[in-house]
Amino acid sequence: MNNCPERAIETMHGMVIPLWYFAWSIAPPFIFTWLLRQSNVLSGLNHGWREVLYNIVWAFTFLLFSFTAYRLIHYMMRFRLFNKLVAYTSLTKYKFWRRYKAPEEY
């Protein structure tokens, strides 16, 4: 990204924040609560095992959501409107966001 002379490579700062918030904070507790309500066996677990189960659900949900969101965003970049949305929410589009250039070796 830093070596592109056309500044054509951009990051998705504005898109990543809501996606990661959902994947870290909203989806795992929702799925974990749903699992506990669906199963009488899981609701009878003590606190330690519930914490282990929550961590497993959290990791699985985060990985699944991240993979799915990445594939969806990659597909959606084909559409001009979505591509422009990503471009304007990227801090790398703006002049104040400087790119690091490594010093040339002599």
PDB file of N, CA and C in Angstrom:
ATOM      1  N   MET A   1       0.830  -1.183   0.000  1.00  0.00           N
ATOM      2  CA  MET A   1       0.000   0.000   0.000  1.00  0.00           C
ATOM      3  C   MET A   1       0.880   1.254   0.000  1.00  0.00           C
ATOM      4  N   ASN A   2       1.945   1.239   0.771  1.00  0.00           N
ATOM      5  CA  ASN A   2       2.783   2.431   0.874  1.00  0.00           C
ATOM      6  C   ASN A   2       3.599   2.692  -0.379  1.00  0.00           C
ATOM      7  N   ASN A   3       3.860   1.699  -1.171  1.00  0.00           N
ATOM      8  CA  ASN A   3       4.701   1.859  -2.349  1.00  0.00           C
ATOM      9  C   ASN A   3       3.920   2.087  -3.635  1.00  0.00           C
ATOM     10  N   CYS A   4       2.629   2.143  -3.577  1.00  0.00           N
ATOM     11  CA  CYS A   4       1.827   2.337  -4.784  1.00  0.00           C
ATOM     12  C   CYS A   4       1.928   3.801  -5.236  1.00  0.00           C
ATOM     13  N   PRO A   5       2.517   4.065  -6.408  1.00  0.00           N
ATOM     14  CA  PRO A   5       2.679   5.457  -6.853  1.00  0.00           C
ATOM     15  C   PRO A   5       1.352   6.126  -7.214  1.00  0.00           C
ATOM     16  N   GLU A   6       0.338   5.345  -7.522  1.00  0.00           N
ATOM     17  CA  GLU A   6      -0.966   5.898  -7.901  1.00  0.00           C
ATOM     18  C   GLU A   6      -1.893   6.079  -6.710  1.00  0.00           C
ATOM     19  N   ARG A   7      -1.456   5.642  -5.537  1.00  0.00           N
ATOM     20  CA  ARG A   7      -2.288   5.669  -4.321  1.00  0.00           C
ATOM     21  C   ARG A   7      -3.626   4.967  -4.568  1.00  0.00           C
ATOM     22  N   ALA A   8      -3.577   3.865  -5.285  1.00  0.00           N
ATOM     23  CA  ALA A   8      -4.788   3.139  -5.669  1.00  0.00           C
ATOM     24  C   ALA A   8      -5.206   2.105  -4.629  1.00  0.00           C
ATOM     25  N   ILE A   9      -4.339   1.769  -3.716  1.00  0.00           N
ATOM     26  CA  ILE A   9      -4.659   0.760  -2.710  1.00  0.00           C
ATOM     27  C   ILE A   9      -5.231   1.468  -1.488  1.00  0.00           C
ATOM     28  N   GLU A  10      -6.414   1.058  -1.082  1.00  0.00           N
ATOM     29  CA  GLU A  10      -7.092   1.684   0.047  1.00  0.00           C
ATOM     30  C   GLU A  10      -7.468   0.635   1.079  1.00  0.00           C
ATOM     31  N   THR A  11      -7.657   1.085   2.296  1.00  0.00           N
ATOM     32  CA  THR A  11      -8.124   0.206   3.361  1.00  0.00           C
ATOM     33  C   THR A  11      -9.569   0.565   3.682  1.00  0.00           C
ATOM     34  N   MET A  12     -10.229  -0.314   4.405  1.00  0.00           N
ATOM     35  CA  MET A  12     -11.655  -0.116   4.695  1.00  0.00           C
ATOM     36  C   MET A  12     -11.872   0.284   6.154  1.00  0.00           C
ATOM     37  N   HIS A  13     -11.344   1.405   6.549  1.00  0.00           N
ATOM     38  CA  HIS A  13     -11.474   1.834   7.938  1.00  0.00           C
ATOM     39  C   HIS A  13     -12.932   1.963   8.359  1.00  0.00           C
ATOM     40  N   GLY A  14     -13.733   2.613   7.565  1.00  0.00           N
ATOM     41  CA  GLY A  14     -15.128   2.856   7.916  1.00  0.00           C
ATOM     42  C   GLY A  14     -16.003   1.620   7.903  1.00  0.00           C
ATOM     43  N   MET A  15     -15.608   0.612   7.156  1.00  0.00           N
ATOM     44  CA  MET A  15     -16.405  -0.610   7.077  1.00  0.00           C
ATOM     45  C   MET A  15     -15.992  -1.622   8.148  1.00  0.00           C
ATOM     46  N   VAL A  16     -14.739  -1.624   8.496  1.00  0.00           N
ATOM     47  CA  VAL A  16     -14.234  -2.631   9.438  1.00  0.00           C
ATOM     48  C   VAL A  16     -14.766  -2.404  10.848  1.00  0.00           C
ATOM     49  N   ILE A  17     -14.871  -1.174  11.252  1.00  0.00           N
ATOM     50  CA  ILE A  17     -15.290  -0.876  12.629  1.00  0.00           C
ATOM     51  C   ILE A  17     -16.673  -1.454  12.941  1.00  0.00           C
ATOM     52  N   PRO A  18     -17.724  -1.185  12.132  1.00  0.00           N
ATOM     53  CA  PRO A  18     -19.020  -1.791  12.462  1.00  0.00           C
ATOM     54  C   PRO A  18     -19.036  -3.310  12.299  1.00  0.00           C
ATOM     55  N   LEU A  19     -18.301  -3.820  11.315  1.00  0.00           N
ATOM     56  CA  LEU A  19     -18.266  -5.278  11.121  1.00  0.00           C
ATOM     57  C   LEU A  19     -17.622  -5.979  12.316  1.00  0.00           C
ATOM     58  N   TRP A  20     -16.507  -5.465  12.773  1.00  0.00           N
ATOM     59  CA  TRP A  20     -15.838  -6.096  13.911  1.00  0.00           C
ATOM     60  C   TRP A  20     -16.637  -5.912  15.201  1.00  0.00           C
ATOM     61  N   TYR A  21     -17.289  -4.764  15.355  1.00  0.00           N
ATOM     62  CA  TYR A  21     -18.125  -4.571  16.542  1.00  0.00           C
ATOM     63  C   TYR A  21     -19.228  -5.626  16.590  1.00  0.00           C
ATOM     64  N   PHE A  22     -19.855  -5.864  15.448  1.00  0.00           N
ATOM     65  CA  PHE A  22     -20.901  -6.884  15.394  1.00  0.00           C
ATOM     66  C   PHE A  22     -20.327  -8.267  15.693  1.00  0.00           C
ATOM     67  N   ALA A  23     -19.198  -8.586  15.079  1.00  0.00           N
ATOM     68  CA  ALA A  23     -18.606  -9.918  15.228  1.00  0.00           C
ATOM     69  C   ALA A  23     -18.067 -10.160  16.632  1.00  0.00           C
ATOM     70  N   TRP A  24     -17.644  -9.125  17.333  1.00  0.00           N
ATOM     71  CA  TRP A  24     -17.071  -9.295  18.674  1.00  0.00           C
ATOM     72  C   TRP A  24     -18.109  -9.114  19.783  1.00  0.00           C
ATOM     73  N   SER A  25     -19.039  -8.184  19.605  1.00  0.00           N
ATOM     74  CA  SER A  25     -19.879  -7.775  20.728  1.00  0.00           C
ATOM     75  C   SER A  25     -21.344  -8.170  20.637  1.00  0.00           C
ATOM     76  N   ILE A  26     -21.890  -8.278  19.474  1.00  0.00           N
ATOM     77  CA  ILE A  26     -23.331  -8.521  19.349  1.00  0.00           C
ATOM     78  C   ILE A  26     -23.648  -9.978  19.038  1.00  0.00           C
ATOM     79  N   ALA A  27     -23.028 -10.532  18.026  1.00  0.00           N
ATOM     80  CA  ALA A  27     -23.370 -11.887  17.576  1.00  0.00           C
ATOM     81  C   ALA A  27     -23.048 -12.983  18.599  1.00  0.00           C
ATOM     82  N   PRO A  28     -21.854 -13.038  19.209  1.00  0.00           N
ATOM     83  CA  PRO A  28     -21.570 -14.149  20.130  1.00  0.00           C
ATOM     84  C   PRO A  28     -22.514 -14.245  21.336  1.00  0.00           C
ATOM     85  N   PRO A  29     -22.821 -13.147  22.055  1.00  0.00           N
ATOM     86  CA  PRO A  29     -23.767 -13.287  23.159  1.00  0.00           C
ATOM     87  C   PRO A  29     -25.158 -13.710  22.703  1.00  0.00           C
ATOM     88  N   PHE A  30     -25.587 -13.208  21.546  1.00  0.00           N
ATOM     89  CA  PHE A  30     -26.892 -13.568  21.023  1.00  0.00           C
ATOM     90  C   PHE A  30     -26.952 -15.070  20.722  1.00  0.00           C
ATOM     91  N   ILE A  31     -25.951 -15.585  20.040  1.00  0.00           N
ATOM     92  CA  ILE A  31     -25.920 -17.013  19.695  1.00  0.00           C
ATOM     93  C   ILE A  31     -25.786 -17.867  20.942  1.00  0.00           C
ATOM     94  N   PHE A  32     -24.944 -17.447  21.897  1.00  0.00           N
ATOM     95  CA  PHE A  32     -24.756 -18.199  23.134  1.00  0.00           C
ATOM     96  C   PHE A  32     -26.065 -18.277  23.927  1.00  0.00           C
ATOM     97  N   THR A  33     -26.771 -17.174  24.042  1.00  0.00           N
ATOM     98  CA  THR A  33     -28.059 -17.161  24.754  1.00  0.00           C
ATOM     99  C   THR A  33     -29.072 -18.047  24.036  1.00  0.00           C
ATOM    100  N   TRP A  34     -29.083 -17.987  22.721  1.00  0.00           N
ATOM    101  CA  TRP A  34     -29.990 -18.829  21.950  1.00  0.00           C
ATOM    102  C   TRP A  34     -29.681 -20.307  22.181  1.00  0.00           C
ATOM    103  N   LEU A  35     -28.392 -20.675  22.196  1.00  0.00           N
ATOM    104  CA  LEU A  35     -28.011 -22.068  22.453  1.00  0.00           C
ATOM    105  C   LEU A  35     -28.454 -22.534  23.838  1.00  0.00           C
ATOM    106  N   LEU A  36     -28.298 -21.680  24.841  1.00  0.00           N
ATOM    107  CA  LEU A  36     -28.713 -22.046  26.200  1.00  0.00           C
ATOM    108  C   LEU A  36     -30.224 -22.247  26.288  1.00  0.00           C
ATOM    109  N   ARG A  37     -30.973 -21.437  25.579  1.00  0.00           N
ATOM    110  CA  ARG A  37     -32.432 -21.577  25.612  1.00  0.00           C
ATOM    111  C   ARG A  37     -32.915 -22.816  24.862  1.00  0.00           C
ATOM    112  N   GLN A  38     -32.170 -23.241  23.860  1.00  0.00           N
ATOM    113  CA  GLN A  38     -32.569 -24.389  23.046  1.00  0.00           C
ATOM    114  C   GLN A  38     -32.252 -25.728  23.694  1.00  0.00           C
ATOM    115  N   SER A  39     -31.287 -25.758  24.579  1.00  0.00           N
ATOM    116  CA  SER A  39     -30.838 -27.025  25.145  1.00  0.00           C
ATOM    117  C   SER A  39     -30.952 -27.015  26.666  1.00  0.00           C
ATOM    118  N   ASN A  40     -31.637 -28.009  27.215  1.00  0.00           N
ATOM    119  CA  ASN A  40     -31.729 -28.138  28.672  1.00  0.00           C
ATOM    120  C   ASN A  40     -30.402 -28.592  29.273  1.00  0.00           C
ATOM    121  N   VAL A  41     -29.626 -29.347  28.513  1.00  0.00           N
ATOM    122  CA  VAL A  41     -28.334 -29.830  29.003  1.00  0.00           C
ATOM    123  C   VAL A  41     -27.366 -28.670  29.182  1.00  0.00           C
ATOM    124  N   LEU A  42     -27.318 -27.772  28.201  1.00  0.00           N
ATOM    125  CA  LEU A  42     -26.389 -26.641  28.278  1.00  0.00           C
ATOM    126  C   LEU A  42     -26.765 -25.669  29.385  1.00  0.00           C
ATOM    127  N   SER A  43     -28.039 -25.498  29.649  1.00  0.00           N
ATOM    128  CA  SER A  43     -28.455 -24.562  30.686  1.00  0.00           C
ATOM    129  C   SER A  43     -28.111 -25.079  32.082  1.00  0.00           C
ATOM    130  N   GLY A  44     -27.846 -26.375  32.222  1.00  0.00           N
ATOM    131  CA  GLY A  44     -27.484 -26.936  33.517  1.00  0.00           C
ATOM    132  C   GLY A  44     -25.993 -26.915  33.813  1.00  0.00           C
ATOM    133  N   LEU A  45     -25.179 -26.358  32.941  1.00  0.00           N
ATOM    134  CA  LEU A  45     -23.725 -26.309  33.150  1.00  0.00           C
ATOM    135  C   LEU A  45     -23.368 -25.330  34.253  1.00  0.00           C
ATOM    136  N   ASN A  46     -22.274 -25.644  34.974  1.00  0.00           N
ATOM    137  CA  ASN A  46     -21.816 -24.692  35.989  1.00  0.00           C
ATOM    138  C   ASN A  46     -21.116 -23.520  35.308  1.00  0.00           C
ATOM    139  N   HIS A  47     -20.717 -22.530  36.097  1.00  0.00           N
ATOM    140  CA  HIS A  47     -20.179 -21.282  35.553  1.00  0.00           C
ATOM    141  C   HIS A  47     -18.896 -21.500  34.753  1.00  0.00           C
ATOM    142  N   GLY A  48     -18.025 -22.358  35.202  1.00  0.00           N
ATOM    143  CA  GLY A  48     -16.765 -22.606  34.505  1.00  0.00           C
ATOM    144  C   GLY A  48     -16.969 -23.180  33.113  1.00  0.00           C
ATOM    145  N   TRP A  49     -17.845 -24.171  33.018  1.00  0.00           N
ATOM    146  CA  TRP A  49     -18.108 -24.778  31.706  1.00  0.00           C
ATOM    147  C   TRP A  49     -18.878 -23.838  30.786  1.00  0.00           C
ATOM    148  N   ARG A  50     -19.719 -22.989  31.378  1.00  0.00           N
ATOM    149  CA  ARG A  50     -20.414 -21.991  30.553  1.00  0.00           C
ATOM    150  C   ARG A  50     -19.420 -21.013  29.941  1.00  0.00           C
ATOM    151  N   GLU A  51     -18.411 -20.653  30.724  1.00  0.00           N
ATOM    152  CA  GLU A  51     -17.398 -19.742  30.202  1.00  0.00           C
ATOM    153  C   GLU A  51     -16.595 -20.389  29.079  1.00  0.00           C
ATOM    154  N   VAL A  52     -16.257 -21.656  29.230  1.00  0.00           N
ATOM    155  CA  VAL A  52     -15.547 -22.383  28.176  1.00  0.00           C
ATOM    156  C   VAL A  52     -16.423 -22.456  26.921  1.00  0.00           C
ATOM    157  N   LEU A  53     -17.687 -22.802  27.100  1.00  0.00           N
ATOM    158  CA  LEU A  53     -18.602 -22.876  25.968  1.00  0.00           C
ATOM    159  C   LEU A  53     -18.768 -21.518  25.301  1.00  0.00           C
ATOM    160  N   TYR A  54     -18.857 -20.456  26.087  1.00  0.00           N
ATOM    161  CA  TYR A  54     -18.987 -19.112  25.519  1.00  0.00           C
ATOM    162  C   TYR A  54     -17.760 -18.762  24.682  1.00  0.00           C
ATOM    163  N   ASN A  55     -16.572 -19.094  25.166  1.00  0.00           N
ATOM    164  CA  ASN A  55     -15.351 -18.800  24.414  1.00  0.00           C
ATOM    165  C   ASN A  55     -15.297 -19.574  23.103  1.00  0.00           C
ATOM    166  N   ILE A  56     -15.763 -20.805  23.116  1.00  0.00           N
ATOM    167  CA  ILE A  56     -15.819 -21.593  21.879  1.00  0.00           C
ATOM    168  C   ILE A  56     -16.809 -20.967  20.904  1.00  0.00           C
ATOM    169  N   VAL A  57     -17.983 -20.608  21.398  1.00  0.00           N
ATOM    170  CA  VAL A  57     -18.997 -19.963  20.542  1.00  0.00           C
ATOM    171  C   VAL A  57     -18.462 -18.638  20.010  1.00  0.00           C
ATOM    172  N   TRP A  58     -17.806 -17.860  20.864  1.00  0.00           N
ATOM    173  CA  TRP A  58     -17.254 -16.575  20.453  1.00  0.00           C
ATOM    174  C   TRP A  58     -16.233 -16.756  19.332  1.00  0.00           C
ATOM    175  N   ALA A  59     -15.291 -17.690  19.499  1.00  0.00           N
ATOM    176  CA  ALA A  59     -14.246 -17.911  18.496  1.00  0.00           C
ATOM    177  C   ALA A  59     -14.852 -18.393  17.180  1.00  0.00           C
ATOM    178  N   PHE A  60     -15.757 -19.347  17.261  1.00  0.00           N
ATOM    179  CA  PHE A  60     -16.389 -19.872  16.050  1.00  0.00           C
ATOM    180  C   PHE A  60     -17.182 -18.786  15.340  1.00  0.00           C
ATOM    181  N   THR A  61     -17.963 -18.016  16.082  1.00  0.00           N
ATOM    182  CA  THR A  61     -18.777 -16.952  15.498  1.00  0.00           C
ATOM    183  C   THR A  61     -17.897 -15.886  14.859  1.00  0.00           C
ATOM    184  N   PHE A  62     -16.851 -15.487  15.555  1.00  0.00           N
ATOM    185  CA  PHE A  62     -15.967 -14.452  15.025  1.00  0.00           C
ATOM    186  C   PHE A  62     -15.294 -14.908  13.731  1.00  0.00           C
ATOM    187  N   LEU A  63     -14.771 -16.120  13.731  1.00  0.00           N
ATOM    188  CA  LEU A  63     -14.101 -16.617  12.533  1.00  0.00           C
ATOM    189  C   LEU A  63     -15.078 -16.787  11.365  1.00  0.00           C
ATOM    190  N   LEU A  64     -16.232 -17.345  11.639  1.00  0.00           N
ATOM    191  CA  LEU A  64     -17.228 -17.536  10.591  1.00  0.00           C
ATOM    192  C   LEU A  64     -17.705 -16.195  10.036  1.00  0.00           C
ATOM    193  N   PHE A  65     -17.988 -15.256  10.924  1.00  0.00           N
ATOM    194  CA  PHE A  65     -18.473 -13.951  10.484  1.00  0.00           C
ATOM    195  C   PHE A  65     -17.386 -13.202   9.712  1.00  0.00           C
ATOM    196  N   SER A  66     -16.149 -13.251  10.179  1.00  0.00           N
ATOM    197  CA  SER A  66     -15.061 -12.560   9.490  1.00  0.00           C
ATOM    198  C   SER A  66     -14.850 -13.129   8.092  1.00  0.00           C
ATOM    199  N   PHE A  67     -14.855 -14.441   7.981  1.00  0.00           N
ATOM    200  CA  PHE A  67     -14.680 -15.074   6.675  1.00  0.00           C
ATOM    201  C   PHE A  67     -15.827 -14.703   5.739  1.00  0.00           C
ATOM    202  N   THR A  68     -17.052 -14.791   6.231  1.00  0.00           N
ATOM    203  CA  THR A  68     -18.221 -14.487   5.406  1.00  0.00           C
ATOM    204  C   THR A  68     -18.245 -13.020   5.002  1.00  0.00           C
ATOM    205  N   ALA A  69     -17.948 -12.126   5.941  1.00  0.00           N
ATOM    206  CA  ALA A  69     -17.953 -10.692   5.634  1.00  0.00           C
ATOM    207  C   ALA A  69     -16.874 -10.355   4.610  1.00  0.00           C
ATOM    208  N   TYR A  70     -15.703 -10.957   4.726  1.00  0.00           N
ATOM    209  CA  TYR A  70     -14.637 -10.709   3.765  1.00  0.00           C
ATOM    210  C   TYR A  70     -15.062 -11.140   2.363  1.00  0.00           C
ATOM    211  N   ARG A  71     -15.646 -12.314   2.252  1.00  0.00           N
ATOM    212  CA  ARG A  71     -16.086 -12.809   0.942  1.00  0.00           C
ATOM    213  C   ARG A  71     -17.194 -11.916   0.370  1.00  0.00           C
ATOM    214  N   LEU A  72     -18.126 -11.495   1.217  1.00  0.00           N
ATOM    215  CA  LEU A  72     -19.216 -10.635   0.768  1.00  0.00           C
ATOM    216  C   LEU A  72     -18.694  -9.269   0.306  1.00  0.00           C
ATOM    217  N   ILE A  73     -17.791  -8.684   1.067  1.00  0.00           N
ATOM    218  CA  ILE A  73     -17.228  -7.386   0.689  1.00  0.00           C
ATOM    219  C   ILE A  73     -16.439  -7.513  -0.610  1.00  0.00           C
ATOM    220  N   HIS A  74     -15.687  -8.577  -0.743  1.00  0.00           N
ATOM    221  CA  HIS A  74     -14.929  -8.803  -1.971  1.00  0.00           C
ATOM    222  C   HIS A  74     -15.880  -8.877  -3.178  1.00  0.00           C
ATOM    223  N   TYR A  75     -16.993  -9.540  -3.017  1.00  0.00           N
ATOM    224  CA  TYR A  75     -17.992  -9.621  -4.093  1.00  0.00           C
ATOM    225  C   TYR A  75     -18.633  -8.253  -4.353  1.00  0.00           C
ATOM    226  N   MET A  76     -18.980  -7.538  -3.296  1.00  0.00           N
ATOM    227  CA  MET A  76     -19.675  -6.265  -3.423  1.00  0.00           C
ATOM    228  C   MET A  76     -18.807  -5.166  -4.036  1.00  0.00           C
ATOM    229  N   MET A  77     -17.495  -5.310  -3.983  1.00  0.00           N
ATOM    230  CA  MET A  77     -16.598  -4.300  -4.556  1.00  0.00           C
ATOM    231  C   MET A  77     -16.774  -4.197  -6.075  1.00  0.00           C
ATOM    232  N   ARG A  78     -17.445  -5.134  -6.693  1.00  0.00           N
ATOM    233  CA  ARG A  78     -17.715  -5.075  -8.131  1.00  0.00           C
ATOM    234  C   ARG A  78     -18.707  -3.978  -8.484  1.00  0.00           C
ATOM    235  N   PHE A  79     -19.520  -3.591  -7.521  1.00  0.00           N
ATOM    236  CA  PHE A  79     -20.557  -2.607  -7.769  1.00  0.00           C
ATOM    237  C   PHE A  79     -20.039  -1.205  -7.459  1.00  0.00           C
ATOM    238  N   ARG A  80     -20.254  -0.296  -8.389  1.00  0.00           N
ATOM    239  CA  ARG A  80     -19.681   1.051  -8.300  1.00  0.00           C
ATOM    240  C   ARG A  80     -20.106   1.790  -7.027  1.00  0.00           C
ATOM    241  N   LEU A  81     -21.374   1.720  -6.660  1.00  0.00           N
ATOM    242  CA  LEU A  81     -21.850   2.443  -5.478  1.00  0.00           C
ATOM    243  C   LEU A  81     -21.157   1.944  -4.213  1.00  0.00           C
ATOM    244  N   PHE A  82     -21.067   0.636  -4.063  1.00  0.00           N
ATOM    245  CA  PHE A  82     -20.402   0.075  -2.886  1.00  0.00           C
ATOM    246  C   PHE A  82     -18.911   0.412  -2.902  1.00  0.00           C
ATOM    247  N   ASN A  83     -18.308   0.370  -4.076  1.00  0.00           N
ATOM    248  CA  ASN A  83     -16.894   0.688  -4.204  1.00  0.00           C
ATOM    249  C   ASN A  83     -16.628   2.136  -3.789  1.00  0.00           C
ATOM    250  N   LYS A  84     -17.497   3.044  -4.192  1.00  0.00           N
ATOM    251  CA  LYS A  84     -17.357   4.456  -3.800  1.00  0.00           C
ATOM    252  C   LYS A  84     -17.560   4.629  -2.291  1.00  0.00           C
ATOM    253  N   LEU A  85     -18.508   3.890  -1.720  1.00  0.00           N
ATOM    254  CA  LEU A  85     -18.731   3.947  -0.282  1.00  0.00           C
ATOM    255  C   LEU A  85     -17.474   3.526   0.473  1.00  0.00           C
ATOM    256  N   VAL A  86     -16.857   2.458   0.037  1.00  0.00           N
ATOM    257  CA  VAL A  86     -15.618   1.996   0.663  1.00  0.00           C
ATOM    258  C   VAL A  86     -14.527   3.043   0.487  1.00  0.00           C
ATOM    259  N   ALA A  87     -14.434   3.633  -0.689  1.00  0.00           N
ATOM    260  CA  ALA A  87     -13.390   4.631  -0.962  1.00  0.00           C
ATOM    261  C   ALA A  87     -13.551   5.855  -0.065  1.00  0.00           C
ATOM    262  N   TYR A  88     -14.773   6.326   0.125  1.00  0.00           N
ATOM    263  CA  TYR A  88     -14.980   7.533   0.924  1.00  0.00           C
ATOM    264  C   TYR A  88     -14.933   7.284   2.424  1.00  0.00           C
ATOM    265  N   THR A  89     -15.075   6.049   2.851  1.00  0.00           N
ATOM    266  CA  THR A  89     -14.926   5.757   4.277  1.00  0.00           C
ATOM    267  C   THR A  89     -13.508   5.334   4.615  1.00  0.00           C
ATOM    268  N   SER A  90     -12.645   5.303   3.626  1.00  0.00           N
ATOM    269  CA  SER A  90     -11.246   4.945   3.841  1.00  0.00           C
ATOM    270  C   SER A  90     -10.444   6.197   4.165  1.00  0.00           C
ATOM    271  N   LEU A  91      -9.677   6.143   5.216  1.00  0.00           N
ATOM    272  CA  LEU A  91      -8.838   7.292   5.570  1.00  0.00           C
ATOM    273  C   LEU A  91      -7.687   7.476   4.583  1.00  0.00           C
ATOM    274  N   THR A  92      -7.326   6.430   3.862  1.00  0.00           N
ATOM    275  CA  THR A  92      -6.217   6.537   2.927  1.00  0.00           C
ATOM    276  C   THR A  92      -6.563   7.390   1.708  1.00  0.00           C
ATOM    277  N   LYS A  93      -7.824   7.725   1.517  1.00  0.00           N
ATOM    278  CA  LYS A  93      -8.245   8.580   0.404  1.00  0.00           C
ATOM    279  C   LYS A  93      -7.848  10.029   0.654  1.00  0.00           C
ATOM    280  N   TYR A  94      -7.808  10.430   1.890  1.00  0.00           N
ATOM    281  CA  TYR A  94      -7.624  11.827   2.243  1.00  0.00           C
ATOM    282  C   TYR A  94      -6.145  12.190   2.385  1.00  0.00           C
ATOM    283  N   LYS A  95      -5.821  13.438   2.078  1.00  0.00           N
ATOM    284  CA  LYS A  95      -4.428  13.906   2.059  1.00  0.00           C
ATOM    285  C   LYS A  95      -3.789  13.896   3.449  1.00  0.00           C
ATOM    286  N   PHE A  96      -4.578  14.136   4.505  1.00  0.00           N
ATOM    287  CA  PHE A  96      -3.983  14.186   5.836  1.00  0.00           C
ATOM    288  C   PHE A  96      -3.475  12.819   6.301  1.00  0.00           C
ATOM    289  N   TRP A  97      -3.969  11.757   5.680  1.00  0.00           N
ATOM    290  CA  TRP A  97      -3.531  10.406   6.046  1.00  0.00           C
ATOM    291  C   TRP A  97      -2.255  10.103   5.257  1.00  0.00           C
ATOM    292  N   ARG A  98      -1.136  10.258   5.926  1.00  0.00           N
ATOM    293  CA  ARG A  98       0.139  10.088   5.231  1.00  0.00           C
ATOM    294  C   ARG A  98       0.545   8.627   5.201  1.00  0.00           C
ATOM    295  N   ARG A  99       1.224   8.268   4.161  1.00  0.00           N
ATOM    296  CA  ARG A  99       1.712   6.908   4.002  1.00  0.00           C
ATOM    297  C   ARG A  99       3.201   6.878   4.308  1.00  0.00           C
ATOM    298  N   TYR A 100       3.596   5.873   5.011  1.00  0.00           N
ATOM    299  CA  TYR A 100       4.997   5.728   5.380  1.00  0.00           C
ATOM    300  C   TYR A 100       5.804   5.264   4.182  1.00  0.00           C
ATOM    301  N   LYS A 101       6.920   5.921   3.963  1.00  0.00           N
ATOM    302  CA  LYS A 101       7.861   5.517   2.925  1.00  0.00           C
ATOM    303  C   LYS A 101       9.181   5.165   3.620  1.00  0.00           C
ATOM    304  N   ALA A 102       9.619   3.959   3.430  1.00  0.00           N
ATOM    305  CA  ALA A 102      10.889   3.541   4.025  1.00  0.00           C
ATOM    306  C   ALA A 102      12.028   4.304   3.349  1.00  0.00           C
ATOM    307  N   PRO A 103      13.021   4.693   4.124  1.00  0.00           N
ATOM    308  CA  PRO A 103      14.154   5.395   3.513  1.00  0.00           C
ATOM    309  C   PRO A 103      14.900   4.462   2.557  1.00  0.00           C
ATOM    310  N   GLU A 104      15.350   5.032   1.455  1.00  0.00           N
ATOM    311  CA  GLU A 104      16.081   4.234   0.498  1.00  0.00           C
ATOM    312  C   GLU A 104      17.462   3.914   1.048  1.00  0.00           C
ATOM    313  N   GLU A 105      17.905   2.712   0.779  1.00  0.00           N
ATOM    314  CA  GLU A 105      19.215   2.281   1.247  1.00  0.00           C
ATOM    315  C   GLU A 105      20.261   2.731   0.256  1.00  0.00           C
ATOM    316  N   TYR A 106      21.374   3.190   0.781  1.00  0.00           N
ATOM    317  CA  TYR A 106      22.462   3.676  -0.089  1.00  0.00           C
ATOM    318  C   TYR A 106      23.526   2.630  -0.237  1.00  0.00           C
TER     319      TYR A 106
END
